[in-house]
N, C-alpha and C. Protein backbone atom coordinates (compact mmCIF):
# COMPACT_ATOMS: atom_id res chain seq x y z
N MET A 1 116.79 101.06 133.35
CA MET A 1 117.02 102.12 132.40
C MET A 1 117.22 101.51 131.00
N LYS A 2 116.56 102.12 130.03
CA LYS A 2 116.66 101.61 128.66
C LYS A 2 117.97 102.03 128.03
N SER A 3 118.51 101.13 127.20
CA SER A 3 119.72 101.47 126.46
C SER A 3 119.37 102.46 125.36
N SER A 4 120.36 103.11 124.81
CA SER A 4 120.11 104.06 123.73
C SER A 4 119.54 103.34 122.51
N PHE A 5 119.94 102.08 122.31
CA PHE A 5 119.40 101.30 121.20
C PHE A 5 117.91 101.06 121.40
N ALA A 6 117.48 100.69 122.61
CA ALA A 6 116.07 100.45 122.90
C ALA A 6 115.27 101.74 122.75
N LYS A 7 115.82 102.86 123.17
CA LYS A 7 115.14 104.15 123.02
C LYS A 7 114.95 104.48 121.54
N ARG A 8 115.98 104.21 120.74
CA ARG A 8 115.91 104.46 119.30
C ARG A 8 114.82 103.59 118.67
N GLU A 9 114.76 102.32 119.06
CA GLU A 9 113.72 101.42 118.55
C GLU A 9 112.33 101.92 118.92
N ASP A 10 112.17 102.41 120.15
CA ASP A 10 110.87 102.96 120.58
C ASP A 10 110.48 104.15 119.73
N LEU A 11 111.45 105.01 119.41
CA LEU A 11 111.16 106.19 118.58
C LEU A 11 110.75 105.77 117.17
N VAL A 12 111.43 104.76 116.63
CA VAL A 12 111.09 104.26 115.30
C VAL A 12 109.68 103.69 115.32
N GLU A 13 109.36 102.88 116.31
CA GLU A 13 108.02 102.30 116.41
C GLU A 13 106.97 103.39 116.56
N GLU A 14 107.25 104.42 117.33
CA GLU A 14 106.31 105.52 117.51
C GLU A 14 106.10 106.27 116.19
N ARG A 15 107.18 106.50 115.45
CA ARG A 15 107.07 107.18 114.15
C ARG A 15 106.23 106.36 113.17
N ILE A 16 106.45 105.05 113.16
CA ILE A 16 105.67 104.18 112.27
C ILE A 16 104.21 104.18 112.69
N ALA A 17 103.94 104.11 113.99
CA ALA A 17 102.56 104.13 114.47
C ALA A 17 101.88 105.44 114.09
N GLN A 18 102.59 106.55 114.15
CA GLN A 18 102.01 107.84 113.74
C GLN A 18 101.66 107.83 112.26
N LYS A 19 102.56 107.32 111.44
CA LYS A 19 102.28 107.22 110.00
C LYS A 19 101.08 106.30 109.76
N ALA A 20 101.05 105.17 110.44
CA ALA A 20 99.96 104.20 110.26
C ALA A 20 98.62 104.76 110.71
N SER A 21 98.63 105.62 111.70
CA SER A 21 97.37 106.17 112.23
C SER A 21 96.68 107.07 111.23
N ARG A 22 97.41 107.55 110.21
CA ARG A 22 96.83 108.45 109.20
C ARG A 22 96.33 107.72 107.95
N ILE A 23 96.51 106.40 107.90
CA ILE A 23 96.21 105.65 106.68
C ILE A 23 94.71 105.51 106.45
N ARG A 24 94.30 105.80 105.21
CA ARG A 24 92.91 105.65 104.77
C ARG A 24 92.78 104.65 103.63
N LEU A 25 93.94 104.27 103.05
CA LEU A 25 93.96 103.30 101.94
C LEU A 25 95.24 102.49 102.04
N LEU A 26 95.08 101.17 102.00
CA LEU A 26 96.22 100.26 101.88
C LEU A 26 96.23 99.76 100.44
N LEU A 27 97.26 100.12 99.72
CA LEU A 27 97.42 99.74 98.32
C LEU A 27 98.46 98.61 98.27
N LEU A 28 98.15 97.55 97.52
CA LEU A 28 98.98 96.35 97.53
C LEU A 28 99.41 95.93 96.14
N ASP A 29 100.67 95.53 96.03
CA ASP A 29 101.14 94.79 94.87
C ASP A 29 100.58 93.37 95.03
N VAL A 30 100.63 92.57 94.00
CA VAL A 30 100.09 91.21 94.09
C VAL A 30 101.20 90.18 94.21
N ASP A 31 101.94 89.96 93.13
CA ASP A 31 102.96 88.90 93.12
C ASP A 31 104.08 89.25 94.09
N GLY A 32 104.25 88.43 95.11
CA GLY A 32 105.26 88.67 96.12
C GLY A 32 104.74 89.41 97.34
N VAL A 33 103.49 89.85 97.29
CA VAL A 33 102.86 90.54 98.43
C VAL A 33 101.59 89.80 98.82
N LEU A 34 100.59 89.82 97.95
CA LEU A 34 99.37 89.04 98.20
C LEU A 34 99.57 87.56 97.90
N THR A 35 100.59 87.25 97.13
CA THR A 35 100.96 85.86 96.87
C THR A 35 102.43 85.69 97.25
N ASP A 36 102.89 84.46 97.24
CA ASP A 36 104.29 84.22 97.56
C ASP A 36 105.21 84.46 96.36
N GLY A 37 104.66 84.96 95.28
CA GLY A 37 105.44 85.27 94.10
C GLY A 37 105.55 84.13 93.11
N GLN A 38 105.05 82.97 93.47
CA GLN A 38 105.09 81.84 92.55
C GLN A 38 103.84 81.83 91.69
N ILE A 39 103.99 81.36 90.47
CA ILE A 39 102.85 81.20 89.57
C ILE A 39 102.87 79.76 89.11
N TYR A 40 101.76 79.08 89.32
CA TYR A 40 101.62 77.69 88.89
C TYR A 40 100.79 77.68 87.61
N TYR A 41 101.04 76.70 86.76
CA TYR A 41 100.27 76.57 85.52
C TYR A 41 99.53 75.24 85.54
N GLY A 42 98.23 75.33 85.27
CA GLY A 42 97.40 74.15 85.19
C GLY A 42 97.65 73.40 83.89
N LYS A 43 96.97 72.27 83.74
CA LYS A 43 97.22 71.42 82.56
C LYS A 43 96.86 72.09 81.25
N ASP A 44 95.97 73.07 81.29
CA ASP A 44 95.59 73.79 80.07
C ASP A 44 96.34 75.11 79.92
N GLY A 45 97.37 75.31 80.75
CA GLY A 45 98.19 76.51 80.66
C GLY A 45 97.67 77.70 81.44
N GLU A 46 96.57 77.50 82.17
CA GLU A 46 96.02 78.62 82.95
C GLU A 46 96.90 78.87 84.18
N ALA A 47 97.10 80.15 84.49
CA ALA A 47 97.91 80.51 85.65
C ALA A 47 97.09 80.34 86.93
N ILE A 48 97.75 79.85 87.95
CA ILE A 48 97.12 79.66 89.25
C ILE A 48 97.98 80.41 90.28
N LYS A 49 97.32 81.27 91.05
CA LYS A 49 98.03 82.05 92.08
C LYS A 49 97.46 81.70 93.44
N PRO A 50 98.28 81.27 94.37
CA PRO A 50 97.78 80.98 95.72
C PRO A 50 97.70 82.25 96.57
N PHE A 51 96.50 82.56 97.05
CA PHE A 51 96.29 83.70 97.94
C PHE A 51 96.13 83.18 99.36
N ASN A 52 96.51 83.99 100.33
CA ASN A 52 96.47 83.61 101.74
C ASN A 52 95.15 84.05 102.37
N VAL A 53 94.43 83.11 102.97
CA VAL A 53 93.12 83.41 103.56
C VAL A 53 93.25 84.36 104.75
N LYS A 54 94.35 84.29 105.50
CA LYS A 54 94.54 85.21 106.63
C LYS A 54 94.74 86.64 106.13
N ASP A 55 95.45 86.81 105.03
CA ASP A 55 95.56 88.13 104.43
C ASP A 55 94.18 88.62 104.01
N GLY A 56 93.40 87.73 103.43
CA GLY A 56 92.04 88.09 102.99
C GLY A 56 91.17 88.53 104.16
N SER A 57 91.23 87.81 105.28
CA SER A 57 90.45 88.19 106.46
C SER A 57 90.81 89.59 106.92
N SER A 58 92.09 89.89 106.93
CA SER A 58 92.52 91.21 107.40
C SER A 58 92.09 92.32 106.45
N ILE A 59 91.97 92.02 105.17
CA ILE A 59 91.45 93.00 104.21
C ILE A 59 89.99 93.29 104.53
N VAL A 60 89.24 92.26 104.86
CA VAL A 60 87.84 92.45 105.27
C VAL A 60 87.78 93.33 106.52
N TRP A 61 88.66 93.10 107.47
CA TRP A 61 88.68 93.91 108.70
C TRP A 61 88.98 95.37 108.39
N LEU A 62 89.96 95.61 107.53
CA LEU A 62 90.28 96.99 107.16
C LEU A 62 89.06 97.68 106.58
N LYS A 63 88.40 97.01 105.66
CA LYS A 63 87.22 97.59 105.03
C LYS A 63 86.11 97.83 106.06
N ARG A 64 85.96 96.91 106.99
CA ARG A 64 84.98 97.06 108.06
C ARG A 64 85.28 98.30 108.91
N ALA A 65 86.56 98.62 109.04
CA ALA A 65 86.99 99.77 109.83
C ALA A 65 86.96 101.07 109.03
N GLY A 66 86.55 101.00 107.76
CA GLY A 66 86.48 102.20 106.93
C GLY A 66 87.78 102.53 106.23
N ILE A 67 88.73 101.60 106.23
CA ILE A 67 90.00 101.80 105.54
C ILE A 67 89.93 101.02 104.23
N GLU A 68 90.07 101.73 103.14
CA GLU A 68 89.96 101.09 101.83
C GLU A 68 91.21 100.27 101.52
N VAL A 69 91.04 99.33 100.62
CA VAL A 69 92.15 98.50 100.16
C VAL A 69 92.10 98.50 98.64
N GLY A 70 93.25 98.63 98.01
CA GLY A 70 93.32 98.62 96.56
C GLY A 70 94.50 97.78 96.10
N ILE A 71 94.50 97.50 94.82
CA ILE A 71 95.55 96.69 94.19
C ILE A 71 96.20 97.51 93.08
N LEU A 72 97.53 97.50 93.05
CA LEU A 72 98.32 98.14 92.00
C LEU A 72 99.39 97.14 91.59
N THR A 73 99.20 96.51 90.43
CA THR A 73 100.09 95.42 90.02
C THR A 73 100.54 95.58 88.57
N GLY A 74 101.70 95.07 88.28
CA GLY A 74 102.25 95.15 86.94
C GLY A 74 101.67 94.13 85.98
N ARG A 75 101.27 92.99 86.49
CA ARG A 75 100.72 91.94 85.64
C ARG A 75 99.21 92.12 85.48
N VAL A 76 98.66 91.45 84.48
CA VAL A 76 97.21 91.41 84.27
C VAL A 76 96.79 89.96 84.42
N SER A 77 95.82 89.72 85.29
CA SER A 77 95.43 88.34 85.55
C SER A 77 93.98 88.26 86.01
N PRO A 78 93.24 87.33 85.44
CA PRO A 78 91.85 87.15 85.89
C PRO A 78 91.76 86.67 87.33
N GLN A 79 92.83 86.03 87.83
CA GLN A 79 92.84 85.58 89.22
C GLN A 79 92.82 86.78 90.17
N VAL A 80 93.47 87.86 89.80
CA VAL A 80 93.47 89.07 90.62
C VAL A 80 92.06 89.67 90.63
N ASP A 81 91.42 89.70 89.47
CA ASP A 81 90.03 90.20 89.42
C ASP A 81 89.12 89.36 90.30
N ALA A 82 89.29 88.05 90.25
CA ALA A 82 88.45 87.15 91.05
C ALA A 82 88.68 87.38 92.54
N ARG A 83 89.94 87.49 92.95
CA ARG A 83 90.24 87.72 94.37
C ARG A 83 89.70 89.07 94.82
N ALA A 84 89.85 90.09 93.99
CA ALA A 84 89.33 91.42 94.31
C ALA A 84 87.81 91.38 94.48
N ARG A 85 87.13 90.66 93.59
CA ARG A 85 85.66 90.53 93.72
C ARG A 85 85.30 89.84 95.03
N ASP A 86 86.00 88.75 95.36
CA ASP A 86 85.75 88.02 96.61
C ASP A 86 85.86 88.93 97.82
N LEU A 87 86.85 89.82 97.79
CA LEU A 87 87.12 90.69 98.94
C LEU A 87 86.47 92.07 98.81
N LYS A 88 85.70 92.26 97.73
CA LYS A 88 85.01 93.53 97.48
C LYS A 88 85.99 94.71 97.41
N ILE A 89 87.13 94.46 96.77
CA ILE A 89 88.11 95.51 96.51
C ILE A 89 87.73 96.16 95.19
N THR A 90 87.45 97.45 95.22
CA THR A 90 86.99 98.13 94.01
C THR A 90 88.11 98.85 93.25
N THR A 91 89.18 99.22 93.93
CA THR A 91 90.31 99.85 93.25
C THR A 91 91.29 98.76 92.84
N VAL A 92 91.24 98.40 91.57
CA VAL A 92 92.11 97.34 91.03
C VAL A 92 92.76 97.89 89.76
N ILE A 93 94.05 98.11 89.84
CA ILE A 93 94.81 98.63 88.70
C ILE A 93 95.82 97.56 88.31
N GLN A 94 95.60 96.98 87.13
CA GLN A 94 96.50 95.94 86.62
C GLN A 94 97.23 96.45 85.39
N GLY A 95 98.31 95.79 85.04
CA GLY A 95 99.08 96.17 83.86
C GLY A 95 99.90 97.43 84.07
N ALA A 96 100.20 97.76 85.32
CA ALA A 96 100.95 98.97 85.65
C ALA A 96 102.44 98.65 85.68
N LEU A 97 103.05 98.56 84.52
CA LEU A 97 104.47 98.22 84.46
C LEU A 97 105.32 99.36 85.03
N ARG A 98 104.92 100.58 84.76
CA ARG A 98 105.54 101.76 85.38
C ARG A 98 104.51 102.30 86.36
N LYS A 99 104.70 102.00 87.61
CA LYS A 99 103.66 102.25 88.61
C LYS A 99 103.51 103.70 89.02
N LEU A 100 104.59 104.46 89.06
CA LEU A 100 104.49 105.82 89.56
C LEU A 100 103.56 106.72 88.73
N PRO A 101 103.67 106.75 87.40
CA PRO A 101 102.73 107.61 86.64
C PRO A 101 101.27 107.20 86.86
N ILE A 102 101.02 105.92 86.99
CA ILE A 102 99.65 105.45 87.22
C ILE A 102 99.21 105.82 88.63
N PHE A 103 100.11 105.73 89.59
CA PHE A 103 99.81 106.14 90.96
C PHE A 103 99.51 107.64 91.00
N GLU A 104 100.30 108.44 90.32
CA GLU A 104 100.07 109.90 90.28
C GLU A 104 98.70 110.21 89.67
N GLU A 105 98.33 109.49 88.63
CA GLU A 105 97.00 109.68 88.03
C GLU A 105 95.91 109.29 89.03
N PHE A 106 96.13 108.20 89.75
CA PHE A 106 95.18 107.77 90.78
C PHE A 106 95.00 108.87 91.83
N LEU A 107 96.09 109.50 92.25
CA LEU A 107 96.00 110.58 93.23
C LEU A 107 95.14 111.72 92.71
N LYS A 108 95.33 112.08 91.43
CA LYS A 108 94.54 113.16 90.84
C LYS A 108 93.06 112.82 90.80
N THR A 109 92.74 111.61 90.34
CA THR A 109 91.32 111.25 90.17
C THR A 109 90.64 110.96 91.50
N SER A 110 91.38 110.44 92.47
CA SER A 110 90.77 110.10 93.76
C SER A 110 90.75 111.27 94.72
N GLY A 111 91.66 112.22 94.52
CA GLY A 111 91.76 113.34 95.43
C GLY A 111 92.42 112.98 96.76
N MET A 112 93.00 111.81 96.84
CA MET A 112 93.65 111.37 98.08
C MET A 112 95.01 112.02 98.25
N ASP A 113 95.37 112.23 99.50
CA ASP A 113 96.68 112.72 99.87
C ASP A 113 97.59 111.51 100.02
N PRO A 114 98.78 111.52 99.42
CA PRO A 114 99.66 110.36 99.54
C PRO A 114 100.01 110.01 100.99
N GLU A 115 99.95 110.99 101.89
CA GLU A 115 100.23 110.73 103.31
C GLU A 115 99.20 109.80 103.93
N HIS A 116 98.04 109.68 103.30
CA HIS A 116 96.97 108.81 103.81
C HIS A 116 96.97 107.44 103.17
N ILE A 117 98.02 107.17 102.40
CA ILE A 117 98.10 105.90 101.67
C ILE A 117 99.31 105.10 102.15
N ALA A 118 99.08 103.82 102.42
CA ALA A 118 100.17 102.87 102.67
C ALA A 118 100.28 102.00 101.42
N TYR A 119 101.48 101.66 101.07
CA TYR A 119 101.70 100.78 99.92
C TYR A 119 102.66 99.68 100.33
N MET A 120 102.32 98.44 99.98
CA MET A 120 103.22 97.32 100.22
C MET A 120 103.67 96.75 98.89
N GLY A 121 104.99 96.74 98.69
CA GLY A 121 105.58 96.19 97.48
C GLY A 121 106.81 95.37 97.84
N ASP A 122 107.32 94.65 96.85
CA ASP A 122 108.44 93.74 97.15
C ASP A 122 109.61 93.80 96.17
N ASP A 123 109.49 94.56 95.07
CA ASP A 123 110.55 94.50 94.07
C ASP A 123 110.84 95.88 93.49
N LEU A 124 111.80 95.97 92.60
CA LEU A 124 112.27 97.25 92.07
C LEU A 124 111.17 98.14 91.51
N HIS A 125 110.22 97.55 90.80
CA HIS A 125 109.16 98.35 90.19
C HIS A 125 108.25 99.02 91.22
N ASP A 126 108.34 98.62 92.48
CA ASP A 126 107.54 99.21 93.55
C ASP A 126 108.21 100.42 94.19
N LEU A 127 109.51 100.56 94.02
CA LEU A 127 110.27 101.61 94.71
C LEU A 127 109.72 103.03 94.49
N PRO A 128 109.39 103.44 93.27
CA PRO A 128 108.91 104.81 93.11
C PRO A 128 107.63 105.11 93.91
N VAL A 129 106.73 104.16 93.99
CA VAL A 129 105.50 104.37 94.75
C VAL A 129 105.80 104.33 96.25
N LEU A 130 106.65 103.41 96.67
CA LEU A 130 107.03 103.33 98.08
C LEU A 130 107.62 104.66 98.57
N LYS A 131 108.36 105.33 97.71
CA LYS A 131 108.98 106.60 98.09
C LYS A 131 107.98 107.76 98.10
N ARG A 132 106.79 107.54 97.60
CA ARG A 132 105.80 108.62 97.45
C ARG A 132 104.69 108.57 98.51
N VAL A 133 104.48 107.42 99.14
CA VAL A 133 103.34 107.26 100.05
C VAL A 133 103.68 107.62 101.50
N GLY A 134 102.65 107.74 102.30
CA GLY A 134 102.81 108.06 103.71
C GLY A 134 103.41 106.94 104.53
N LEU A 135 103.11 105.70 104.15
CA LEU A 135 103.64 104.55 104.87
C LEU A 135 104.07 103.48 103.86
N ALA A 136 105.38 103.34 103.69
CA ALA A 136 105.96 102.36 102.76
C ALA A 136 106.18 101.06 103.53
N MET A 137 105.64 99.96 102.98
CA MET A 137 105.69 98.66 103.67
C MET A 137 106.25 97.60 102.72
N ALA A 138 106.87 96.59 103.33
CA ALA A 138 107.45 95.50 102.54
C ALA A 138 107.27 94.19 103.28
N PRO A 139 107.08 93.08 102.54
CA PRO A 139 107.11 91.77 103.18
C PRO A 139 108.56 91.43 103.55
N ALA A 140 108.73 90.48 104.44
CA ALA A 140 110.06 90.10 104.91
C ALA A 140 110.98 89.64 103.80
N ASP A 141 110.43 89.05 102.74
CA ASP A 141 111.27 88.53 101.66
C ASP A 141 111.37 89.48 100.47
N ALA A 142 111.03 90.74 100.66
CA ALA A 142 111.23 91.74 99.60
C ALA A 142 112.72 91.88 99.33
N ILE A 143 113.05 92.37 98.16
CA ILE A 143 114.47 92.59 97.87
C ILE A 143 115.01 93.65 98.84
N GLN A 144 116.31 93.64 99.03
CA GLN A 144 116.94 94.53 100.00
C GLN A 144 116.65 96.00 99.74
N ALA A 145 116.68 96.43 98.49
CA ALA A 145 116.43 97.83 98.17
C ALA A 145 115.03 98.26 98.62
N VAL A 146 114.07 97.38 98.51
CA VAL A 146 112.71 97.69 98.96
C VAL A 146 112.65 97.73 100.48
N ARG A 147 113.27 96.77 101.14
CA ARG A 147 113.28 96.78 102.61
C ARG A 147 113.98 98.04 103.12
N ASP A 148 115.02 98.48 102.43
CA ASP A 148 115.72 99.70 102.83
C ASP A 148 114.83 100.94 102.66
N ALA A 149 114.00 100.95 101.63
CA ALA A 149 113.13 102.10 101.36
C ALA A 149 111.87 102.09 102.23
N ALA A 150 111.52 100.95 102.77
CA ALA A 150 110.28 100.81 103.54
C ALA A 150 110.42 101.44 104.92
N HIS A 151 109.32 102.05 105.37
CA HIS A 151 109.25 102.52 106.75
C HIS A 151 109.11 101.33 107.70
N TRP A 152 108.44 100.26 107.20
CA TRP A 152 108.13 99.10 108.03
C TRP A 152 108.22 97.84 107.18
N THR A 153 108.83 96.81 107.72
CA THR A 153 108.91 95.51 107.05
C THR A 153 108.20 94.47 107.91
N ALA A 154 107.29 93.74 107.30
CA ALA A 154 106.54 92.70 108.00
C ALA A 154 107.48 91.58 108.43
N PRO A 155 107.16 90.93 109.53
CA PRO A 155 107.95 89.75 109.93
C PRO A 155 107.78 88.58 108.97
N SER A 156 106.64 88.51 108.28
CA SER A 156 106.33 87.38 107.39
C SER A 156 106.61 87.73 105.94
N PRO A 157 106.86 86.71 105.12
CA PRO A 157 107.05 86.94 103.69
C PRO A 157 105.73 87.16 102.96
N GLY A 158 105.84 87.59 101.72
CA GLY A 158 104.67 87.79 100.87
C GLY A 158 103.89 86.50 100.69
N GLY A 159 102.56 86.62 100.72
CA GLY A 159 101.70 85.47 100.55
C GLY A 159 101.63 84.57 101.76
N LYS A 160 102.33 84.93 102.82
CA LYS A 160 102.40 84.10 104.02
C LYS A 160 102.05 84.90 105.27
N GLY A 161 101.23 85.94 105.11
CA GLY A 161 100.78 86.70 106.27
C GLY A 161 101.30 88.12 106.37
N ALA A 162 102.11 88.58 105.43
CA ALA A 162 102.64 89.95 105.48
C ALA A 162 101.53 90.99 105.44
N VAL A 163 100.53 90.76 104.60
CA VAL A 163 99.42 91.71 104.50
C VAL A 163 98.62 91.71 105.80
N ARG A 164 98.44 90.55 106.40
CA ARG A 164 97.75 90.45 107.68
C ARG A 164 98.46 91.29 108.74
N GLU A 165 99.78 91.19 108.79
CA GLU A 165 100.55 91.95 109.76
C GLU A 165 100.47 93.45 109.49
N ALA A 166 100.49 93.83 108.22
CA ALA A 166 100.35 95.25 107.86
C ALA A 166 98.98 95.78 108.28
N ALA A 167 97.95 94.99 108.02
CA ALA A 167 96.59 95.40 108.40
C ALA A 167 96.47 95.56 109.91
N GLU A 168 97.04 94.63 110.63
CA GLU A 168 97.00 94.68 112.09
C GLU A 168 97.70 95.94 112.60
N LEU A 169 98.85 96.26 112.04
CA LEU A 169 99.56 97.48 112.41
C LEU A 169 98.68 98.71 112.19
N ILE A 170 98.06 98.80 111.02
CA ILE A 170 97.22 99.96 110.70
C ILE A 170 96.00 100.01 111.61
N LEU A 171 95.34 98.88 111.81
CA LEU A 171 94.14 98.86 112.65
C LEU A 171 94.46 99.23 114.09
N LYS A 172 95.55 98.77 114.61
CA LYS A 172 95.94 99.12 115.98
C LYS A 172 96.31 100.60 116.08
N ALA A 173 97.04 101.11 115.09
CA ALA A 173 97.46 102.51 115.11
C ALA A 173 96.29 103.46 114.98
N THR A 174 95.25 103.04 114.25
CA THR A 174 94.07 103.90 114.09
C THR A 174 93.07 103.71 115.22
N GLY A 175 93.36 102.79 116.13
CA GLY A 175 92.47 102.54 117.26
C GLY A 175 91.24 101.73 116.91
N LYS A 176 91.28 101.01 115.79
CA LYS A 176 90.11 100.26 115.33
C LYS A 176 90.24 98.75 115.49
N TRP A 177 91.37 98.29 116.00
CA TRP A 177 91.61 96.85 116.14
C TRP A 177 90.56 96.18 117.02
N ASP A 178 90.34 96.72 118.22
CA ASP A 178 89.38 96.11 119.15
C ASP A 178 87.97 96.09 118.55
N GLU A 179 87.61 97.16 117.87
CA GLU A 179 86.28 97.27 117.25
C GLU A 179 86.05 96.18 116.20
N VAL A 180 87.02 95.98 115.31
CA VAL A 180 86.81 95.03 114.21
C VAL A 180 87.01 93.58 114.63
N THR A 181 87.69 93.35 115.73
CA THR A 181 87.90 91.98 116.18
C THR A 181 87.00 91.60 117.35
N ALA A 182 86.17 92.51 117.80
CA ALA A 182 85.30 92.26 118.97
C ALA A 182 84.40 91.04 118.76
N ILE A 183 83.93 90.83 117.54
CA ILE A 183 83.00 89.71 117.30
C ILE A 183 83.65 88.35 117.57
N TYR A 184 84.97 88.32 117.59
CA TYR A 184 85.66 87.05 117.84
C TYR A 184 85.90 86.80 119.32
N HIS A 185 85.56 87.77 120.15
CA HIS A 185 85.78 87.65 121.59
C HIS A 185 84.50 87.49 122.38
N GLU A 186 83.39 87.28 121.69
CA GLU A 186 82.09 87.15 122.37
C GLU A 186 81.93 85.79 123.00
């Protein structure tokens, strides 16, 4: 017989899976989500951001499954444009210091229902969007306020597989995991 704690955990997991099953767009912050939050500077002062290849693979899988991926970030960086081009991400919104008004405008122009959007953020500026979407997600090393607001927190930190874990959750909940990973089991 399951304890009441185990039953509660099962209900939480079921609720998260239901939310994830409705996702049509995964929107991501960059610094602290797609990267580990560190910025390196080259000898000529150019910023260098390390992106995780496993996160990138999972973005490709989401797109293969018909789930769009977008970027909503406060900073402006050519590295983000380059990574988005590599991954064929067409929704790239940079320079969004106040994210909620820009997110609201995105909803109007895209016609998307916020219930069909998952957003992963890690810091205070992400909170308003996290509170507005159907599935609020955070990397393991997000600040406490973000983890508290999130429906789901990845086991891994930002830039170290958190996006991969979020993608896997969404793909499994939508029933598309086996389809997009079948080529690796041949």
